[in-house]
Protein backbone atom coordinates (compact mmCIF):
# COMPACT_ATOMS: atom_id res chain seq x y z
CA UNK A 1 0.00 0.00 0.00
CA UNK A 2 1.45 3.38 -0.93
CA UNK A 3 1.62 6.38 1.40
CA UNK A 4 -1.23 7.99 -0.57
CA UNK A 5 -3.57 5.03 -0.01
CA UNK A 6 -5.68 4.55 3.11
CA UNK A 7 -7.58 1.44 4.13
CA UNK A 8 -10.68 2.04 6.24
CA UNK A 9 -13.38 0.00 7.89
CA UNK A 10 -15.98 2.74 8.03
CA UNK A 11 -16.37 6.51 8.07
CA UNK A 12 -14.42 6.97 11.33
CA UNK A 13 -12.21 3.86 11.32
CA UNK A 14 -8.82 3.80 9.59
CA UNK A 15 -6.85 0.58 9.46
CA UNK A 16 -3.36 0.97 10.88
CA UNK A 17 -2.16 -2.58 10.15
CA UNK A 18 -3.52 -5.76 8.52
CA UNK A 19 -2.36 -8.75 10.57
CA UNK A 20 -3.75 -11.60 8.46
CA UNK A 21 -6.61 -12.91 6.33
CA UNK A 22 -8.72 -15.91 7.30
CA UNK A 23 -12.14 -17.57 6.83
CA UNK A 24 -15.17 -17.57 9.14
CA UNK A 25 -17.43 -20.04 7.36
CA UNK A 26 -18.19 -18.44 3.97
CA UNK A 27 -16.82 -15.01 5.01
CA UNK A 28 -13.29 -13.95 4.08
CA UNK A 29 -12.09 -11.75 6.95
CA UNK A 30 -9.10 -9.62 7.90
CA UNK A 31 -7.61 -9.30 11.36
CA UNK A 32 -6.69 -5.62 11.61
CA UNK A 33 -5.55 -2.97 14.05
CA UNK A 34 -7.63 0.20 13.82
CA UNK A 35 -5.89 3.55 14.39
CA UNK A 36 -6.62 5.32 17.68
CA UNK A 37 -9.59 7.72 17.46
CA UNK A 38 -10.37 10.67 19.76
CA UNK A 39 -8.14 9.49 22.57
CA UNK A 40 -9.30 5.86 22.43
CA UNK A 41 -6.48 3.33 22.05
CA UNK A 42 -5.80 1.29 18.91
CA UNK A 43 -8.16 -1.69 18.61
CA UNK A 44 -7.52 -5.13 17.16
CA UNK A 45 -10.57 -6.65 15.47
CA UNK A 46 -11.83 -8.93 12.72
CA UNK A 47 -13.61 -7.31 9.77
CA UNK A 48 -15.16 -8.97 6.69
CA UNK A 49 -12.95 -8.14 3.70
CA UNK A 50 -16.03 -6.93 1.77
CA UNK A 51 -16.43 -4.13 4.34
CA UNK A 52 -12.89 -2.78 3.95
CA UNK A 53 -12.63 0.35 1.80
CA UNK A 54 -9.55 1.55 -0.10
CA UNK A 55 -9.25 5.29 -0.52
CA UNK A 56 -6.67 7.92 -1.37
PDB file of N, CA and C in Angstrom:
ATOM      1  N   UNK A   1       0.857  -1.164   0.000  1.00  0.00           N
ATOM      2  CA  UNK A   1       0.000   0.000   0.000  1.00  0.00           C
ATOM      3  C   UNK A   1       0.908   1.234   0.000  1.00  0.00           C
ATOM      4  N   UNK A   2       0.631   2.173  -0.851  1.00  0.00           N
ATOM      5  CA  UNK A   2       1.446   3.383  -0.925  1.00  0.00           C
ATOM      6  C   UNK A   2       1.057   4.360   0.172  1.00  0.00           C
ATOM      7  N   UNK A   3       1.893   5.375   0.372  1.00  0.00           N
ATOM      8  CA  UNK A   3       1.623   6.383   1.399  1.00  0.00           C
ATOM      9  C   UNK A   3       0.362   7.172   1.083  1.00  0.00           C
ATOM     10  N   UNK A   4      -0.054   7.219  -0.176  1.00  0.00           N
ATOM     11  CA  UNK A   4      -1.229   7.988  -0.573  1.00  0.00           C
ATOM     12  C   UNK A   4      -2.512   7.161  -0.490  1.00  0.00           C
ATOM     13  N   UNK A   5      -2.400   5.897  -0.081  1.00  0.00           N
ATOM     14  CA  UNK A   5      -3.566   5.027  -0.008  1.00  0.00           C
ATOM     15  C   UNK A   5      -3.922   4.762   1.445  1.00  0.00           C
ATOM     16  N   UNK A   6      -5.201   4.833   1.755  1.00  0.00           N
ATOM     17  CA  UNK A   6      -5.677   4.545   3.113  1.00  0.00           C
ATOM     18  C   UNK A   6      -6.685   3.419   3.055  1.00  0.00           C
ATOM     19  N   UNK A   7      -6.617   2.532   4.015  1.00  0.00           N
ATOM     20  CA  UNK A   7      -7.577   1.437   4.131  1.00  0.00           C
ATOM     21  C   UNK A   7      -8.460   1.757   5.327  1.00  0.00           C
ATOM     22  N   UNK A   8      -9.769   1.720   5.134  1.00  0.00           N
ATOM     23  CA  UNK A   8     -10.676   2.037   6.238  1.00  0.00           C
ATOM     24  C   UNK A   8     -11.727   0.955   6.395  1.00  0.00           C
ATOM     25  N   UNK A   9     -12.331   0.966   7.580  1.00  0.00           N
ATOM     26  CA  UNK A   9     -13.377  -0.002   7.891  1.00  0.00           C
ATOM     27  C   UNK A   9     -14.709   0.687   8.111  1.00  0.00           C
ATOM     28  N   UNK A  10     -14.770   1.949   7.851  1.00  0.00           N
ATOM     29  CA  UNK A  10     -15.978   2.736   8.032  1.00  0.00           C
ATOM     30  C   UNK A  10     -15.626   4.201   8.026  1.00  0.00           C
ATOM     31  N   UNK A  11     -16.611   5.073   8.182  1.00  0.00           N
ATOM     32  CA  UNK A  11     -16.367   6.513   8.067  1.00  0.00           C
ATOM     33  C   UNK A  11     -15.391   7.062   9.106  1.00  0.00           C
ATOM     34  N   UNK A  12     -15.310   6.461  10.292  1.00  0.00           N
ATOM     35  CA  UNK A  12     -14.418   6.966  11.334  1.00  0.00           C
ATOM     36  C   UNK A  12     -13.285   6.005  11.673  1.00  0.00           C
ATOM     37  N   UNK A  13     -13.189   4.894  10.980  1.00  0.00           N
ATOM     38  CA  UNK A  13     -12.215   3.863  11.319  1.00  0.00           C
ATOM     39  C   UNK A  13     -11.177   3.706  10.218  1.00  0.00           C
ATOM     40  N   UNK A  14      -9.926   4.024  10.535  1.00  0.00           N
ATOM     41  CA  UNK A  14      -8.823   3.799   9.594  1.00  0.00           C
ATOM     42  C   UNK A  14      -7.999   2.619  10.076  1.00  0.00           C
ATOM     43  N   UNK A  15      -7.638   1.758   9.138  1.00  0.00           N
ATOM     44  CA  UNK A  15      -6.846   0.582   9.462  1.00  0.00           C
ATOM     45  C   UNK A  15      -5.379   0.996   9.556  1.00  0.00           C
ATOM     46  N   UNK A  16      -4.771   0.680  10.678  1.00  0.00           N
ATOM     47  CA  UNK A  16      -3.355   0.967  10.882  1.00  0.00           C
ATOM     48  C   UNK A  16      -2.496  -0.175  10.346  1.00  0.00           C
ATOM     49  N   UNK A  17      -2.966  -1.418  10.537  1.00  0.00           N
ATOM     50  CA  UNK A  17      -2.164  -2.582  10.154  1.00  0.00           C
ATOM     51  C   UNK A  17      -3.080  -3.772   9.883  1.00  0.00           C
ATOM     52  N   UNK A  18      -2.824  -4.502   8.800  1.00  0.00           N
ATOM     53  CA  UNK A  18      -3.521  -5.760   8.525  1.00  0.00           C
ATOM     54  C   UNK A  18      -2.625  -6.870   9.048  1.00  0.00           C
ATOM     55  N   UNK A  19      -3.149  -7.678   9.962  1.00  0.00           N
ATOM     56  CA  UNK A  19      -2.363  -8.746  10.569  1.00  0.00           C
ATOM     57  C   UNK A  19      -2.418 -10.030   9.754  1.00  0.00           C
ATOM     58  N   UNK A  20      -3.616 -10.398   9.289  1.00  0.00           N
ATOM     59  CA  UNK A  20      -3.750 -11.600   8.457  1.00  0.00           C
ATOM     60  C   UNK A  20      -5.139 -11.654   7.829  1.00  0.00           C
ATOM     61  N   UNK A  21      -5.319 -12.620   6.952  1.00  0.00           N
ATOM     62  CA  UNK A  21      -6.611 -12.905   6.332  1.00  0.00           C
ATOM     63  C   UNK A  21      -6.981 -14.331   6.692  1.00  0.00           C
ATOM     64  N   UNK A  22      -8.263 -14.584   6.908  1.00  0.00           N
ATOM     65  CA  UNK A  22      -8.724 -15.906   7.295  1.00  0.00           C
ATOM     66  C   UNK A  22     -10.197 -16.070   6.920  1.00  0.00           C
ATOM     67  N   UNK A  23     -10.735 -17.253   7.146  1.00  0.00           N
ATOM     68  CA  UNK A  23     -12.141 -17.568   6.826  1.00  0.00           C
ATOM     69  C   UNK A  23     -12.941 -17.769   8.100  1.00  0.00           C
ATOM     70  N   UNK A  24     -14.161 -17.265   8.126  1.00  0.00           N
ATOM     71  CA  UNK A  24     -15.166 -17.573   9.139  1.00  0.00           C
ATOM     72  C   UNK A  24     -16.349 -18.119   8.358  1.00  0.00           C
ATOM     73  N   UNK A  25     -16.396 -19.436   8.199  1.00  0.00           N
ATOM     74  CA  UNK A  25     -17.426 -20.039   7.355  1.00  0.00           C
ATOM     75  C   UNK A  25     -17.249 -19.514   5.937  1.00  0.00           C
ATOM     76  N   UNK A  26     -18.312 -18.946   5.341  1.00  0.00           N
ATOM     77  CA  UNK A  26     -18.194 -18.442   3.972  1.00  0.00           C
ATOM     78  C   UNK A  26     -17.553 -17.048   3.884  1.00  0.00           C
ATOM     79  N   UNK A  27     -17.352 -16.376   5.032  1.00  0.00           N
ATOM     80  CA  UNK A  27     -16.818 -15.009   5.008  1.00  0.00           C
ATOM     81  C   UNK A  27     -15.302 -14.974   5.015  1.00  0.00           C
ATOM     82  N   UNK A  28     -14.736 -14.221   4.087  1.00  0.00           N
ATOM     83  CA  UNK A  28     -13.292 -13.950   4.077  1.00  0.00           C
ATOM     84  C   UNK A  28     -13.097 -12.718   4.956  1.00  0.00           C
ATOM     85  N   UNK A  29     -12.257 -12.825   5.984  1.00  0.00           N
ATOM     86  CA  UNK A  29     -12.090 -11.747   6.950  1.00  0.00           C
ATOM     87  C   UNK A  29     -10.628 -11.325   7.060  1.00  0.00           C
ATOM     88  N   UNK A  30     -10.432 -10.140   7.639  1.00  0.00           N
ATOM     89  CA  UNK A  30      -9.095  -9.618   7.903  1.00  0.00           C
ATOM     90  C   UNK A  30      -8.993  -9.286   9.384  1.00  0.00           C
ATOM     91  N   UNK A  31      -7.916  -9.731  10.004  1.00  0.00           N
ATOM     92  CA  UNK A  31      -7.606  -9.300  11.363  1.00  0.00           C
ATOM     93  C   UNK A  31      -6.814  -8.012  11.209  1.00  0.00           C
ATOM     94  N   UNK A  32      -7.308  -6.929  11.790  1.00  0.00           N
ATOM     95  CA  UNK A  32      -6.695  -5.619  11.606  1.00  0.00           C
ATOM     96  C   UNK A  32      -6.533  -4.898  12.940  1.00  0.00           C
ATOM     97  N   UNK A  33      -5.660  -3.900  12.938  1.00  0.00           N
ATOM     98  CA  UNK A  33      -5.553  -2.973  14.049  1.00  0.00           C
ATOM     99  C   UNK A  33      -6.045  -1.636  13.531  1.00  0.00           C
ATOM    100  N   UNK A  34      -7.070  -1.102  14.193  1.00  0.00           N
ATOM    101  CA  UNK A  34      -7.625   0.200  13.817  1.00  0.00           C
ATOM    102  C   UNK A  34      -6.826   1.298  14.510  1.00  0.00           C
ATOM    103  N   UNK A  35      -6.613   2.416  13.815  1.00  0.00           N
ATOM    104  CA  UNK A  35      -5.893   3.548  14.394  1.00  0.00           C
ATOM    105  C   UNK A  35      -6.653   4.107  15.583  1.00  0.00           C
ATOM    106  N   UNK A  36      -5.943   4.667  16.555  1.00  0.00           N
ATOM    107  CA  UNK A  36      -6.622   5.318  17.682  1.00  0.00           C
ATOM    108  C   UNK A  36      -7.505   6.468  17.188  1.00  0.00           C
ATOM    109  N   UNK A  37      -8.653   6.656  17.837  1.00  0.00           N
ATOM    110  CA  UNK A  37      -9.586   7.718  17.463  1.00  0.00           C
ATOM    111  C   UNK A  37     -10.009   8.489  18.716  1.00  0.00           C
ATOM    112  N   UNK A  38      -9.904   9.794  18.671  1.00  0.00           N
ATOM    113  CA  UNK A  38     -10.370  10.673  19.760  1.00  0.00           C
ATOM    114  C   UNK A  38      -9.935  10.206  21.145  1.00  0.00           C
ATOM    115  N   UNK A  39      -8.663   9.873  21.270  1.00  0.00           N
ATOM    116  CA  UNK A  39      -8.136   9.488  22.570  1.00  0.00           C
ATOM    117  C   UNK A  39      -8.346   8.029  22.945  1.00  0.00           C
ATOM    118  N   UNK A  40      -9.125   7.290  22.172  1.00  0.00           N
ATOM    119  CA  UNK A  40      -9.301   5.861  22.430  1.00  0.00           C
ATOM    120  C   UNK A  40      -8.092   5.114  21.868  1.00  0.00           C
ATOM    121  N   UNK A  41      -7.658   4.052  22.532  1.00  0.00           N
ATOM    122  CA  UNK A  41      -6.481   3.327  22.048  1.00  0.00           C
ATOM    123  C   UNK A  41      -6.765   2.564  20.749  1.00  0.00           C
ATOM    124  N   UNK A  42      -5.677   2.142  20.103  1.00  0.00           N
ATOM    125  CA  UNK A  42      -5.803   1.292  18.912  1.00  0.00           C
ATOM    126  C   UNK A  42      -6.567   0.028  19.301  1.00  0.00           C
ATOM    127  N   UNK A  43      -7.298  -0.538  18.349  1.00  0.00           N
ATOM    128  CA  UNK A  43      -8.157  -1.688  18.615  1.00  0.00           C
ATOM    129  C   UNK A  43      -7.884  -2.777  17.593  1.00  0.00           C
ATOM    130  N   UNK A  44      -7.678  -4.003  18.059  1.00  0.00           N
ATOM    131  CA  UNK A  44      -7.521  -5.134  17.158  1.00  0.00           C
ATOM    132  C   UNK A  44      -8.884  -5.790  16.983  1.00  0.00           C
ATOM    133  N   UNK A  45      -9.268  -6.036  15.718  1.00  0.00           N
ATOM    134  CA  UNK A  45     -10.570  -6.652  15.472  1.00  0.00           C
ATOM    135  C   UNK A  45     -10.553  -7.435  14.160  1.00  0.00           C
ATOM    136  N   UNK A  46     -11.638  -8.146  13.938  1.00  0.00           N
ATOM    137  CA  UNK A  46     -11.826  -8.928  12.722  1.00  0.00           C
ATOM    138  C   UNK A  46     -12.941  -8.261  11.913  1.00  0.00           C
ATOM    139  N   UNK A  47     -12.652  -7.999  10.629  1.00  0.00           N
ATOM    140  CA  UNK A  47     -13.607  -7.307   9.769  1.00  0.00           C
ATOM    141  C   UNK A  47     -13.755  -8.097   8.470  1.00  0.00           C
ATOM    142  N   UNK A  48     -15.001  -8.326   8.006  1.00  0.00           N
ATOM    143  CA  UNK A  48     -15.163  -8.969   6.693  1.00  0.00           C
ATOM    144  C   UNK A  48     -14.447  -8.151   5.613  1.00  0.00           C
ATOM    145  N   UNK A  49     -13.713  -8.819   4.751  1.00  0.00           N
ATOM    146  CA  UNK A  49     -12.955  -8.140   3.698  1.00  0.00           C
ATOM    147  C   UNK A  49     -13.863  -7.270   2.836  1.00  0.00           C
ATOM    148  N   UNK A  50     -15.098  -7.702   2.582  1.00  0.00           N
ATOM    149  CA  UNK A  50     -16.028  -6.931   1.766  1.00  0.00           C
ATOM    150  C   UNK A  50     -16.350  -5.577   2.370  1.00  0.00           C
ATOM    151  N   UNK A  51     -16.133  -5.399   3.674  1.00  0.00           N
ATOM    152  CA  UNK A  51     -16.433  -4.134   4.339  1.00  0.00           C
ATOM    153  C   UNK A  51     -15.236  -3.185   4.392  1.00  0.00           C
ATOM    154  N   UNK A  52     -14.058  -3.660   3.990  1.00  0.00           N
ATOM    155  CA  UNK A  52     -12.886  -2.777   3.950  1.00  0.00           C
ATOM    156  C   UNK A  52     -12.954  -1.885   2.722  1.00  0.00           C
ATOM    157  N   UNK A  53     -12.589  -0.639   2.886  1.00  0.00           N
ATOM    158  CA  UNK A  53     -12.627   0.346   1.800  1.00  0.00           C
ATOM    159  C   UNK A  53     -11.219   0.871   1.538  1.00  0.00           C
ATOM    160  N   UNK A  54     -10.858   0.980   0.270  1.00  0.00           N
ATOM    161  CA  UNK A  54      -9.554   1.550  -0.100  1.00  0.00           C
ATOM    162  C   UNK A  54      -9.799   2.938  -0.643  1.00  0.00           C
ATOM    163  N   UNK A  55      -9.099   3.914  -0.089  1.00  0.00           N
ATOM    164  CA  UNK A  55      -9.254   5.290  -0.518  1.00  0.00           C
ATOM    165  C   UNK A  55      -7.927   5.996  -0.610  1.00  0.00           C
ATOM    166  N   UNK A  56      -7.921   7.154  -1.229  1.00  0.00           N
ATOM    167  CA  UNK A  56      -6.674   7.916  -1.368  1.00  0.00           C
ATOM    168  C   UNK A  56      -6.534   8.895  -0.238  1.00  0.00           C
TER     169      UNK A  56
END
